[in-house]
Amino acid sequence: MILFDSCSTVELTGRRQLTAIPNDQMVTLGKETYQQVLEEQQISRNREYTGTVQGVGQRISAAVEEYMRQNGMGDRIGDYAWEYRVLESDAVNEGIMPVCRDDAGVATVMAHEVAHVIAQHSNERLSQQLAVQLGGIALSEAIEKEKESTKQLAMLAFGIGSQVGVLLPYSRTHEKEADVMGLYFMAMAGYDPSSAIPFMERLKASSKTASAPQLLSTHPADAARINAMRQVLPEAMQYYKKTF
């Protein structure tokens, strides 16, 4: 069975994309991948980090869901169950917390990750991988006939490396798109989107040090990404309502 041609438009950027995997199947794959990460990684015991990430993440996802519902896209987030964890590893989440410094920095990261979900970047990447590596067969058939290969493709689609828990960057297009959408999303949640620029500059500086965690070295904030964020900042500020 050949993958059907299913195009959609990314909210807030207008980019057309191929998302050929049914949403319910992506949700199931996402839950399975997430569960594997939790089974193979140590959850952080740092209450400050955990409390901050959960509080900021929930605030952003709630604001984004409200925006989606108000704009007739509530069906896109109907199956989502947001959950936020900090892992005890310099190579993953915890290593970036000192670079965040405050809630606004954490909001920049969390809004970026929420943007990957809303923009269906994992679906787009898995659709492309199935088409190229498995001959374009449908996901249901790939799971049945190429179970191990499909599992590996799914891990890559959700940005998880072969060593489970190691976050991999999306394509440059996806990363830049998540940067831009993240500004809107953090603004909707009441975080000043202009604070994302100094965070990205800190990320860029930190990724160049010899002792930088792996996450920072694989997700460098280059000048092009920062400039793209500066250009969209005035529009993102229109969504900003300081609520605390």
Protein backbone atom coordinates (compact mmCIF):
# COMPACT_ATOMS: atom_id res chain seq x y z
CA MET A 1 0.00 0.00 0.00
CA ILE A 2 1.50 3.33 -1.05
CA LEU A 3 1.48 6.29 1.30
CA PHE A 4 -1.36 8.61 0.35
CA ASP A 5 -0.56 12.19 -0.51
CA SER A 6 -1.71 14.24 2.46
CA CYS A 7 -0.61 17.86 2.55
CA SER A 8 -1.29 20.27 5.37
CA THR A 9 -0.32 23.81 6.26
CA VAL A 10 1.76 24.68 9.31
CA GLU A 11 -0.06 27.12 11.57
CA LEU A 12 1.49 30.61 11.87
CA THR A 13 4.09 30.03 9.14
CA GLY A 14 1.93 28.90 6.22
CA ARG A 15 4.46 26.30 5.00
CA ARG A 16 2.98 23.37 3.12
CA GLN A 17 4.09 19.92 4.28
CA LEU A 18 3.52 16.20 3.69
CA THR A 19 1.92 14.53 6.72
CA ALA A 20 0.82 11.12 5.54
CA ILE A 21 0.51 9.33 8.91
CA PRO A 22 -2.93 9.38 10.60
CA ASN A 23 -2.87 11.40 13.81
CA ASP A 24 -4.02 8.51 16.01
CA GLN A 25 -1.12 6.36 14.81
CA MET A 26 1.37 9.16 15.50
CA VAL A 27 -0.05 9.56 19.01
CA THR A 28 0.37 5.83 19.65
CA LEU A 29 3.95 5.87 18.35
CA GLY A 30 4.69 8.95 20.46
CA LYS A 31 3.43 7.29 23.63
CA GLU A 32 5.50 4.16 22.95
CA THR A 33 8.64 6.17 22.27
CA TYR A 34 8.10 8.34 25.36
CA GLN A 35 7.59 5.26 27.53
CA GLN A 36 10.85 3.76 26.28
CA VAL A 37 12.70 6.94 27.20
CA LEU A 38 11.26 6.87 30.73
CA GLU A 39 12.22 3.22 31.14
CA GLU A 40 15.82 3.75 30.06
CA GLN A 41 16.58 7.14 31.62
CA GLN A 42 16.73 8.44 35.18
CA ILE A 43 14.15 11.07 36.09
CA SER A 44 15.71 14.13 37.72
CA ARG A 45 15.29 14.55 41.46
CA ASN A 46 15.97 18.28 41.22
CA ARG A 47 12.67 19.68 42.46
CA GLU A 48 13.47 23.20 41.29
CA TYR A 49 14.14 22.10 37.72
CA THR A 50 11.18 19.72 37.66
CA GLY A 51 8.75 22.24 39.11
CA THR A 52 9.84 24.97 36.73
CA VAL A 53 9.67 22.80 33.62
CA GLN A 54 6.27 21.36 34.51
CA GLY A 55 4.80 24.74 35.44
CA VAL A 56 6.09 26.54 32.35
CA GLY A 57 5.26 23.65 30.03
CA GLN A 58 1.69 23.36 31.25
CA ARG A 59 1.17 27.10 30.92
CA ILE A 60 2.38 27.07 27.32
CA SER A 61 0.44 23.98 26.22
CA ALA A 62 -2.74 25.36 27.80
CA ALA A 63 -2.34 28.68 25.96
CA VAL A 64 -1.62 26.92 22.66
CA GLU A 65 -4.62 24.63 23.03
CA GLU A 66 -6.86 27.63 23.69
CA TYR A 67 -5.48 29.37 20.60
CA MET A 68 -6.08 26.27 18.49
CA ARG A 69 -9.66 25.92 19.72
CA GLN A 70 -10.43 29.59 19.12
CA ASN A 71 -9.14 29.29 15.56
CA GLY A 72 -11.09 26.19 14.58
CA MET A 73 -8.24 23.72 14.99
CA GLY A 74 -9.28 21.98 18.18
CA ASP A 75 -9.40 18.65 16.35
CA ARG A 76 -5.64 18.79 15.87
CA ILE A 77 -4.93 18.60 19.59
CA GLY A 78 -7.82 16.37 20.66
CA ASP A 79 -5.60 13.32 21.30
CA TYR A 80 -2.67 15.15 22.89
CA ALA A 81 -1.73 14.45 26.52
CA TRP A 82 1.01 16.86 27.55
CA GLU A 83 3.57 15.64 30.08
CA TYR A 84 6.88 17.22 31.02
CA ARG A 85 9.88 15.52 32.63
CA VAL A 86 13.49 16.48 33.35
CA LEU A 87 16.03 13.73 32.82
CA GLU A 88 19.20 13.34 34.87
CA SER A 89 21.75 13.69 32.10
CA ASP A 90 24.05 16.47 30.91
CA ALA A 91 23.45 15.15 27.40
CA VAL A 92 19.71 15.78 27.55
CA ASN A 93 17.31 18.16 29.28
CA GLU A 94 19.11 18.92 32.53
CA GLY A 95 22.24 20.19 30.80
CA ILE A 96 20.38 23.13 29.31
CA MET A 97 18.82 24.41 32.54
CA PRO A 98 21.78 26.61 33.56
CA VAL A 99 21.64 28.24 30.12
CA CYS A 100 17.93 28.97 30.58
CA ARG A 101 18.62 30.89 33.84
CA ASP A 102 14.97 31.80 34.46
CA ASP A 103 11.37 31.01 33.57
CA ALA A 104 11.60 33.00 30.34
CA GLY A 105 14.56 30.91 29.20
CA VAL A 106 12.73 27.70 30.06
CA ALA A 107 9.68 29.04 28.20
CA THR A 108 11.82 29.54 25.10
CA VAL A 109 12.84 25.88 25.16
CA MET A 110 9.40 24.52 26.05
CA ALA A 111 7.59 26.65 23.46
CA HIS A 112 10.08 25.45 20.83
CA GLU A 113 9.36 21.80 21.69
CA VAL A 114 5.59 22.36 21.75
CA ALA A 115 5.95 23.99 18.33
CA HIS A 116 7.53 20.79 16.94
CA VAL A 117 4.41 18.93 18.06
CA ILE A 118 1.86 21.44 16.76
CA ALA A 119 3.71 21.73 13.43
CA GLN A 120 3.62 17.93 13.08
CA HIS A 121 7.34 17.78 12.38
CA SER A 122 7.58 14.15 13.55
CA ASN A 123 4.78 13.15 11.19
CA GLU A 124 6.45 14.97 8.33
CA ARG A 125 9.82 13.39 9.01
CA LEU A 126 8.40 9.88 9.42
CA SER A 127 6.36 10.26 6.22
CA GLN A 128 9.51 11.21 4.34
CA GLN A 129 11.52 8.36 5.88
CA LEU A 130 8.88 5.76 5.06
CA ALA A 131 8.76 6.98 1.48
CA VAL A 132 12.55 6.86 1.06
CA GLN A 133 13.70 3.92 3.20
CA LEU A 134 10.72 1.56 3.10
CA GLY A 135 9.47 2.25 -0.39
CA GLY A 136 6.53 4.41 0.59
CA ILE A 137 4.44 1.67 2.22
CA ALA A 138 1.75 2.62 4.73
CA LEU A 139 2.67 2.77 8.40
CA SER A 140 0.35 -0.11 9.36
CA GLU A 141 2.02 -2.35 6.77
CA ALA A 142 5.49 -1.18 7.78
CA ILE A 143 4.82 -2.04 11.42
CA GLU A 144 3.68 -5.53 10.42
CA LYS A 145 6.43 -6.33 7.91
CA GLU A 146 9.34 -4.12 8.99
CA LYS A 147 8.76 -3.82 12.73
CA GLU A 148 12.35 -3.15 13.79
CA SER A 149 13.06 -0.75 10.94
CA THR A 150 9.81 1.11 11.64
CA LYS A 151 10.70 1.38 15.33
CA GLN A 152 14.06 2.93 14.48
CA LEU A 153 12.44 5.33 12.02
CA ALA A 154 9.88 6.34 14.64
CA MET A 155 12.62 7.08 17.18
CA LEU A 156 14.37 9.31 14.65
CA ALA A 157 11.08 10.97 13.71
CA PHE A 158 10.54 11.99 17.34
CA GLY A 159 14.12 13.23 17.61
CA ILE A 160 15.43 10.42 19.82
CA GLY A 161 18.89 9.00 19.10
CA SER A 162 20.03 5.38 18.99
CA GLN A 163 21.09 5.83 22.60
CA VAL A 164 17.60 6.43 23.96
CA GLY A 165 17.30 9.77 25.68
CA VAL A 166 19.73 11.60 23.43
CA LEU A 167 17.77 14.34 21.69
CA LEU A 168 18.57 14.82 18.03
CA PRO A 169 17.93 18.02 16.09
CA TYR A 170 15.25 18.16 13.45
CA SER A 171 16.09 19.51 10.00
CA ARG A 172 17.20 23.13 9.78
CA THR A 173 13.80 23.98 8.31
CA HIS A 174 12.01 22.39 11.25
CA GLU A 175 14.30 23.93 13.85
CA LYS A 176 13.89 27.42 12.42
CA GLU A 177 10.14 26.95 12.13
CA ALA A 178 9.92 25.82 15.76
CA ASP A 179 11.99 28.86 16.77
CA VAL A 180 9.52 31.20 15.08
CA MET A 181 6.38 29.43 16.29
CA GLY A 182 7.88 29.21 19.76
CA LEU A 183 7.97 32.99 19.98
CA TYR A 184 4.22 33.15 19.33
CA PHE A 185 3.49 30.34 21.78
CA MET A 186 5.51 31.75 24.67
CA ALA A 187 3.86 35.13 24.07
CA MET A 188 0.41 33.51 24.21
CA ALA A 189 1.37 32.03 27.59
CA GLY A 190 2.41 35.40 28.99
CA TYR A 191 6.19 35.14 28.58
CA ASP A 192 7.98 38.04 26.90
CA PRO A 193 9.12 36.64 23.51
CA SER A 194 11.96 39.16 23.32
CA SER A 195 13.68 37.23 26.11
CA ALA A 196 14.20 34.38 23.65
CA ILE A 197 16.91 36.32 21.81
CA PRO A 198 19.38 36.56 24.72
CA PHE A 199 18.67 32.90 25.51
CA MET A 200 19.58 31.91 21.95
CA GLU A 201 22.74 34.00 22.17
CA ARG A 202 23.68 32.21 25.41
CA LEU A 203 22.95 28.88 23.72
CA LYS A 204 25.17 29.82 20.80
CA ALA A 205 28.03 30.79 23.13
CA SER A 206 27.63 27.70 25.34
CA SER A 207 27.61 25.26 22.42
CA LYS A 208 31.13 26.32 21.48
CA THR A 209 32.76 25.46 24.81
CA ALA A 210 34.68 22.22 25.23
CA SER A 211 32.56 21.25 28.25
CA ALA A 212 29.20 21.92 26.60
CA PRO A 213 26.57 19.18 27.11
CA GLN A 214 25.82 17.14 23.99
CA LEU A 215 22.42 18.77 23.63
CA LEU A 216 24.02 22.17 23.17
CA SER A 217 26.58 20.91 20.66
CA THR A 218 23.94 19.20 18.51
CA HIS A 219 21.46 22.09 18.70
CA PRO A 220 23.64 25.14 18.02
CA ALA A 221 21.88 28.49 17.76
CA ASP A 222 23.42 29.96 14.64
CA ALA A 223 23.15 33.57 13.48
CA ALA A 224 20.56 32.72 10.82
CA ARG A 225 18.18 31.27 13.41
CA ILE A 226 18.61 34.25 15.69
CA ASN A 227 18.07 36.71 12.83
CA ALA A 228 14.89 34.88 11.77
CA MET A 229 13.58 35.22 15.31
CA ARG A 230 14.40 38.92 15.40
CA GLN A 231 12.42 39.47 12.20
CA VAL A 232 9.24 37.83 13.50
CA LEU A 233 9.52 39.26 17.02
CA PRO A 234 7.32 42.36 16.36
CA GLU A 235 4.48 40.11 15.18
CA ALA A 236 4.91 37.73 18.12
CA MET A 237 4.76 40.65 20.54
CA GLN A 238 1.17 41.28 19.43
CA TYR A 239 0.22 38.05 21.21
CA TYR A 240 2.02 39.00 24.39
CA LYS A 241 -0.09 39.75 27.41
CA LYS A 242 1.83 39.93 30.64
CA THR A 243 -0.12 37.91 33.17
CA PHE A 244 2.34 37.65 36.05
